[in-house]
Amino acid sequence: MTSEMTTETPSSPAQTSQGWSFWPHGLVILIVGFVVGIITLVIIASRNGDDLVSSDYYAKEINYQTQIDRQKRTNMVADTMTLSYDRQSQDLTFQLPAPHRQSIVTNTKARLYRPSDASLDHSLPMTFDDTGTWHHSTADLDPGQWVLDVTWQLGTKDYFARLQLKR
């Protein structure tokens, strides 16, 4: 009698004498999960808006010393100036500094911008009453964070005031 020896070989690489091994499947799941995660991040990043606070921020950075000088001049008269927002009446109020109220103020500009959405930014007309005060209603603004920048000129000197408001 001849005896035949038979040896069993696993039918797949993942099968061992004790059953199935998780390692090959786990590695595939890990790699697929990583690829899906990267693709998801790319899709989210591509859909995210890239709005900047200002489209010409490079030019503004170069001229920033001018802005610092404006703020220093404004700080010297800030105790007699009013820039406020009343949430109850939804009204912005800006009153020129006392030394400027009786003078001819030129180049007055009010810019209201939304840091989170540049498409909502807009300039506001400024007309002062007899007391050097300007009012503007914010009832038409979308809720959220807003920044009001006011600039004016007295003679050859520029001034700047900023108010952050939450509507």
Foldseek 3Di string as FASTA:
>chain_A
DDDDDDDDDDPDPQQDPVGGHCVVVVVVVVVVVVVVVVVVVVVVVVPDDPDAQDPPVVVCVVVVVLVVQQAVVCVVQVVQWDFDADPVQQKTKTADRPVPLVADKDPKWKWKADRRDRVPIDIDDFDADNRRMGMDHCPVPDFAKMKIKIWIDGDHRIHIDMDIDGD
